[in-house]
Each structure stands twice: as C-alpha cells, then as structure tokens.
Amino acid sequence: MKIYCLCGRIVDLDRASAEMKFRLRKGAECAICRNSRISREIDEIETCFNGSAAESD
C-alpha cells in the first residue's frame, strides 16, 4: 500500500501496518520525517532532564 507522507514523499506500508497507524490516529511518515521527529523528541527529553543552556548561564 502506498501512502503519502505529510512532506509529500511516498511511504510503502503493508496493509496491516497502515490500518494500525490509522486506528492509532498516527500519520504515515517517510524515513526522513520519522528521523527528524525522533531527533526532536530526543532533544526535548534531554532538555527536560539536563536543563537548557539558558538555565545554566
């Protein structure tokens, strides 16, 4: 099953994965968008636990 990512790239998912994502109300992501989202989430978690650079100055 081919689905468009929000950025416009085509994501190739099997039907079971696509149905599960839709049931969980999650959008299909291409590898680039997924990696960017994970990177942002890691940065947010690190900021939460380590504090931001502005707090340490």
PDB file of N, CA and C in Angstrom:
ATOM      1  N   MET A   1       0.845  -1.162   0.000  1.00  0.00           N
ATOM      2  CA  MET A   1       0.000   0.000   0.000  1.00  0.00           C
ATOM      3  C   MET A   1       0.900   1.237   0.000  1.00  0.00           C
ATOM      4  N   LYS A   2       0.642   2.151  -0.888  1.00  0.00           N
ATOM      5  CA  LYS A   2       1.408   3.396  -0.989  1.00  0.00           C
ATOM      6  C   LYS A   2       0.592   4.533  -0.374  1.00  0.00           C
ATOM      7  N   ILE A   3       1.228   5.284   0.528  1.00  0.00           N
ATOM      8  CA  ILE A   3       0.574   6.398   1.210  1.00  0.00           C
ATOM      9  C   ILE A   3       1.516   7.584   1.148  1.00  0.00           C
ATOM     10  N   TYR A   4       0.961   8.783   1.046  1.00  0.00           N
ATOM     11  CA  TYR A   4       1.782   9.987   1.050  1.00  0.00           C
ATOM     12  C   TYR A   4       2.096  10.423   2.473  1.00  0.00           C
ATOM     13  N   CYS A   5       3.345  10.770   2.702  1.00  0.00           N
ATOM     14  CA  CYS A   5       3.772  11.388   3.958  1.00  0.00           C
ATOM     15  C   CYS A   5       3.317  12.855   3.910  1.00  0.00           C
ATOM     16  N   LEU A   6       3.305  13.516   5.050  1.00  0.00           N
ATOM     17  CA  LEU A   6       2.914  14.927   5.069  1.00  0.00           C
ATOM     18  C   LEU A   6       3.844  15.799   4.233  1.00  0.00           C
ATOM     19  N   CYS A   7       5.094  15.371   4.064  1.00  0.00           N
ATOM     20  CA  CYS A   7       6.045  16.153   3.276  1.00  0.00           C
ATOM     21  C   CYS A   7       5.871  15.906   1.780  1.00  0.00           C
ATOM     22  N   GLY A   8       5.065  14.902   1.412  1.00  0.00           N
ATOM     23  CA  GLY A   8       4.814  14.629   0.007  1.00  0.00           C
ATOM     24  C   GLY A   8       5.526  13.398  -0.532  1.00  0.00           C
ATOM     25  N   ARG A   9       6.413  12.812   0.259  1.00  0.00           N
ATOM     26  CA  ARG A   9       7.093  11.593  -0.184  1.00  0.00           C
ATOM     27  C   ARG A   9       6.123  10.411  -0.074  1.00  0.00           C
ATOM     28  N   ILE A  10       6.374   9.400  -0.870  1.00  0.00           N
ATOM     29  CA  ILE A  10       5.534   8.207  -0.862  1.00  0.00           C
ATOM     30  C   ILE A  10       6.107   7.212   0.136  1.00  0.00           C
ATOM     31  N   VAL A  11       5.241   6.696   1.002  1.00  0.00           N
ATOM     32  CA  VAL A  11       5.619   5.705   2.008  1.00  0.00           C
ATOM     33  C   VAL A  11       4.998   4.378   1.604  1.00  0.00           C
ATOM     34  N   ASP A  12       5.799   3.326   1.608  1.00  0.00           N
ATOM     35  CA  ASP A  12       5.316   2.000   1.240  1.00  0.00           C
ATOM     36  C   ASP A  12       5.084   1.193   2.516  1.00  0.00           C
ATOM     37  N   LEU A  13       3.816   0.937   2.843  1.00  0.00           N
ATOM     38  CA  LEU A  13       3.454   0.174   4.036  1.00  0.00           C
ATOM     39  C   LEU A  13       2.616  -1.031   3.643  1.00  0.00           C
ATOM     40  N   ASP A  14       2.729  -2.090   4.431  1.00  0.00           N
ATOM     41  CA  ASP A  14       1.796  -3.190   4.203  1.00  0.00           C
ATOM     42  C   ASP A  14       0.448  -2.803   4.804  1.00  0.00           C
ATOM     43  N   ARG A  15      -0.572  -3.484   4.401  1.00  0.00           N
ATOM     44  CA  ARG A  15      -1.934  -3.100   4.782  1.00  0.00           C
ATOM     45  C   ARG A  15      -2.125  -3.147   6.300  1.00  0.00           C
ATOM     46  N   ALA A  16      -1.563  -4.132   6.986  1.00  0.00           N
ATOM     47  CA  ALA A  16      -1.738  -4.255   8.439  1.00  0.00           C
ATOM     48  C   ALA A  16      -1.099  -3.061   9.158  1.00  0.00           C
ATOM     49  N   SER A  17       0.087  -2.658   8.739  1.00  0.00           N
ATOM     50  CA  SER A  17       0.755  -1.503   9.362  1.00  0.00           C
ATOM     51  C   SER A  17      -0.029  -0.224   9.123  1.00  0.00           C
ATOM     52  N   ALA A  18      -0.515  -0.053   7.913  1.00  0.00           N
ATOM     53  CA  ALA A  18      -1.283   1.151   7.585  1.00  0.00           C
ATOM     54  C   ALA A  18      -2.569   1.209   8.399  1.00  0.00           C
ATOM     55  N   GLU A  19      -3.269   0.081   8.514  1.00  0.00           N
ATOM     56  CA  GLU A  19      -4.503   0.064   9.288  1.00  0.00           C
ATOM     57  C   GLU A  19      -4.248   0.341  10.769  1.00  0.00           C
ATOM     58  N   MET A  20      -3.149  -0.200  11.309  1.00  0.00           N
ATOM     59  CA  MET A  20      -2.825   0.046  12.709  1.00  0.00           C
ATOM     60  C   MET A  20      -2.514   1.521  12.947  1.00  0.00           C
ATOM     61  N   LYS A  21      -1.764   2.144  12.048  1.00  0.00           N
ATOM     62  CA  LYS A  21      -1.456   3.571  12.187  1.00  0.00           C
ATOM     63  C   LYS A  21      -2.735   4.408  12.153  1.00  0.00           C
ATOM     64  N   PHE A  22      -3.646   4.078  11.275  1.00  0.00           N
ATOM     65  CA  PHE A  22      -4.889   4.839  11.189  1.00  0.00           C
ATOM     66  C   PHE A  22      -5.760   4.627  12.425  1.00  0.00           C
ATOM     67  N   ARG A  23      -5.776   3.388  12.968  1.00  0.00           N
ATOM     68  CA  ARG A  23      -6.536   3.135  14.195  1.00  0.00           C
ATOM     69  C   ARG A  23      -5.949   3.909  15.373  1.00  0.00           C
ATOM     70  N   LEU A  24      -4.631   4.056  15.396  1.00  0.00           N
ATOM     71  CA  LEU A  24      -3.967   4.797  16.467  1.00  0.00           C
ATOM     72  C   LEU A  24      -3.949   6.298  16.205  1.00  0.00           C
ATOM     73  N   ARG A  25      -4.551   6.701  15.092  1.00  0.00           N
ATOM     74  CA  ARG A  25      -4.612   8.105  14.670  1.00  0.00           C
ATOM     75  C   ARG A  25      -3.220   8.710  14.481  1.00  0.00           C
ATOM     76  N   LYS A  26      -2.326   7.904  13.923  1.00  0.00           N
ATOM     77  CA  LYS A  26      -0.980   8.370  13.602  1.00  0.00           C
ATOM     78  C   LYS A  26      -0.857   8.431  12.086  1.00  0.00           C
ATOM     79  N   GLY A  27      -0.160   9.424  11.625  1.00  0.00           N
ATOM     80  CA  GLY A  27       0.049   9.547  10.191  1.00  0.00           C
ATOM     81  C   GLY A  27       1.219   8.694   9.731  1.00  0.00           C
ATOM     82  N   ALA A  28       1.221   8.373   8.466  1.00  0.00           N
ATOM     83  CA  ALA A  28       2.343   7.650   7.894  1.00  0.00           C
ATOM     84  C   ALA A  28       3.493   8.624   7.707  1.00  0.00           C
ATOM     85  N   GLU A  29       4.685   8.212   8.059  1.00  0.00           N
ATOM     86  CA  GLU A  29       5.863   9.068   7.937  1.00  0.00           C
ATOM     87  C   GLU A  29       6.901   8.388   7.057  1.00  0.00           C
ATOM     88  N   CYS A  30       7.566   9.176   6.237  1.00  0.00           N
ATOM     89  CA  CYS A  30       8.692   8.656   5.491  1.00  0.00           C
ATOM     90  C   CYS A  30       9.878   8.561   6.461  1.00  0.00           C
ATOM     91  N   ALA A  31      10.957   7.926   6.052  1.00  0.00           N
ATOM     92  CA  ALA A  31      12.110   7.741   6.932  1.00  0.00           C
ATOM     93  C   ALA A  31      12.721   9.079   7.342  1.00  0.00           C
ATOM     94  N   ILE A  32      12.726  10.047   6.447  1.00  0.00           N
ATOM     95  CA  ILE A  32      13.325  11.353   6.754  1.00  0.00           C
ATOM     96  C   ILE A  32      12.511  12.081   7.818  1.00  0.00           C
ATOM     97  N   CYS A  33      11.189  12.111   7.661  1.00  0.00           N
ATOM     98  CA  CYS A  33      10.325  12.767   8.648  1.00  0.00           C
ATOM     99  C   CYS A  33      10.373  12.038   9.984  1.00  0.00           C
ATOM    100  N   ARG A  34      10.419  10.714   9.942  1.00  0.00           N
ATOM    101  CA  ARG A  34      10.476   9.925  11.171  1.00  0.00           C
ATOM    102  C   ARG A  34      11.765  10.222  11.919  1.00  0.00           C
ATOM    103  N   ASN A  35      12.890  10.230  11.215  1.00  0.00           N
ATOM    104  CA  ASN A  35      14.169  10.513  11.865  1.00  0.00           C
ATOM    105  C   ASN A  35      14.199  11.928  12.432  1.00  0.00           C
ATOM    106  N   SER A  36      13.640  12.884  11.737  1.00  0.00           N
ATOM    107  CA  SER A  36      13.579  14.263  12.226  1.00  0.00           C
ATOM    108  C   SER A  36      12.733  14.357  13.489  1.00  0.00           C
ATOM    109  N   ARG A  37      11.586  13.671  13.496  1.00  0.00           N
ATOM    110  CA  ARG A  37      10.713  13.684  14.669  1.00  0.00           C
ATOM    111  C   ARG A  37      11.402  13.047  15.869  1.00  0.00           C
ATOM    112  N   ILE A  38      12.059  11.925  15.662  1.00  0.00           N
ATOM    113  CA  ILE A  38      12.754  11.247  16.750  1.00  0.00           C
ATOM    114  C   ILE A  38      13.875  12.121  17.284  1.00  0.00           C
ATOM    115  N   SER A  39      14.597  12.783  16.402  1.00  0.00           N
ATOM    116  CA  SER A  39      15.672  13.683  16.827  1.00  0.00           C
ATOM    117  C   SER A  39      15.135  14.823  17.683  1.00  0.00           C
ATOM    118  N   ARG A  40      14.014  15.412  17.256  1.00  0.00           N
ATOM    119  CA  ARG A  40      13.390  16.489  18.049  1.00  0.00           C
ATOM    120  C   ARG A  40      12.947  15.979  19.417  1.00  0.00           C
ATOM    121  N   GLU A  41      12.360  14.789  19.442  1.00  0.00           N
ATOM    122  CA  GLU A  41      11.894  14.233  20.709  1.00  0.00           C
ATOM    123  C   GLU A  41      13.054  13.952  21.654  1.00  0.00           C
ATOM    124  N   ILE A  42      14.160  13.447  21.122  1.00  0.00           N
ATOM    125  CA  ILE A  42      15.346  13.198  21.947  1.00  0.00           C
ATOM    126  C   ILE A  42      15.880  14.512  22.504  1.00  0.00           C
ATOM    127  N   ASP A  43      15.947  15.538  21.666  1.00  0.00           N
ATOM    128  CA  ASP A  43      16.406  16.855  22.133  1.00  0.00           C
ATOM    129  C   ASP A  43      15.503  17.403  23.232  1.00  0.00           C
ATOM    130  N   GLU A  44      14.190  17.249  23.082  1.00  0.00           N
ATOM    131  CA  GLU A  44      13.248  17.721  24.096  1.00  0.00           C
ATOM    132  C   GLU A  44      13.432  16.977  25.417  1.00  0.00           C
ATOM    133  N   ILE A  45      13.641  15.665  25.342  1.00  0.00           N
ATOM    134  CA  ILE A  45      13.851  14.869  26.553  1.00  0.00           C
ATOM    135  C   ILE A  45      15.154  15.275  27.234  1.00  0.00           C
ATOM    136  N   GLU A  46      16.217  15.455  26.449  1.00  0.00           N
ATOM    137  CA  GLU A  46      17.492  15.878  27.026  1.00  0.00           C
ATOM    138  C   GLU A  46      17.375  17.249  27.675  1.00  0.00           C
ATOM    139  N   THR A  47      16.649  18.157  27.044  1.00  0.00           N
ATOM    140  CA  THR A  47      16.438  19.484  27.617  1.00  0.00           C
ATOM    141  C   THR A  47      15.655  19.384  28.925  1.00  0.00           C
ATOM    142  N   CYS A  48      14.682  18.506  28.946  1.00  0.00           N
ATOM    143  CA  CYS A  48      13.861  18.330  30.143  1.00  0.00           C
ATOM    144  C   CYS A  48      14.697  17.796  31.312  1.00  0.00           C
ATOM    145  N   PHE A  49      15.550  16.829  31.056  1.00  0.00           N
ATOM    146  CA  PHE A  49      16.329  16.218  32.123  1.00  0.00           C
ATOM    147  C   PHE A  49      17.606  16.974  32.450  1.00  0.00           C
ATOM    148  N   ASN A  50      18.232  17.593  31.454  1.00  0.00           N
ATOM    149  CA  ASN A  50      19.506  18.274  31.682  1.00  0.00           C
ATOM    150  C   ASN A  50      19.351  19.775  31.859  1.00  0.00           C
ATOM    151  N   GLY A  51      18.194  20.311  31.555  1.00  0.00           N
ATOM    152  CA  GLY A  51      18.002  21.751  31.586  1.00  0.00           C
ATOM    153  C   GLY A  51      18.536  22.365  30.303  1.00  0.00           C
ATOM    154  N   SER A  52      18.050  23.533  29.989  1.00  0.00           N
ATOM    155  CA  SER A  52      18.502  24.187  28.767  1.00  0.00           C
ATOM    156  C   SER A  52      19.799  24.939  29.029  1.00  0.00           C
ATOM    157  N   ALA A  53      20.467  25.354  27.984  1.00  0.00           N
ATOM    158  CA  ALA A  53      21.724  26.099  28.111  1.00  0.00           C
ATOM    159  C   ALA A  53      21.478  27.459  28.756  1.00  0.00           C
ATOM    160  N   ALA A  54      20.308  28.050  28.535  1.00  0.00           N
ATOM    161  CA  ALA A  54      19.986  29.358  29.116  1.00  0.00           C
ATOM    162  C   ALA A  54      19.863  29.267  30.637  1.00  0.00           C
ATOM    163  N   GLU A  55      19.411  28.122  31.156  1.00  0.00           N
ATOM    164  CA  GLU A  55      19.261  27.969  32.589  1.00  0.00           C
ATOM    165  C   GLU A  55      20.611  27.867  33.285  1.00  0.00           C
ATOM    166  N   SER A  56      21.611  27.319  32.617  1.00  0.00           N
ATOM    167  CA  SER A  56      22.914  27.122  33.256  1.00  0.00           C
ATOM    168  C   SER A  56      23.793  28.368  33.190  1.00  0.00           C
ATOM    169  N   ASP A  57      23.418  29.371  32.396  1.00  0.00           N
ATOM    170  CA  ASP A  57      24.217  30.601  32.295  1.00  0.00           C
ATOM    171  C   ASP A  57      23.929  31.564  33.414  1.00  0.00           C
TER     172      ASP A  57
END
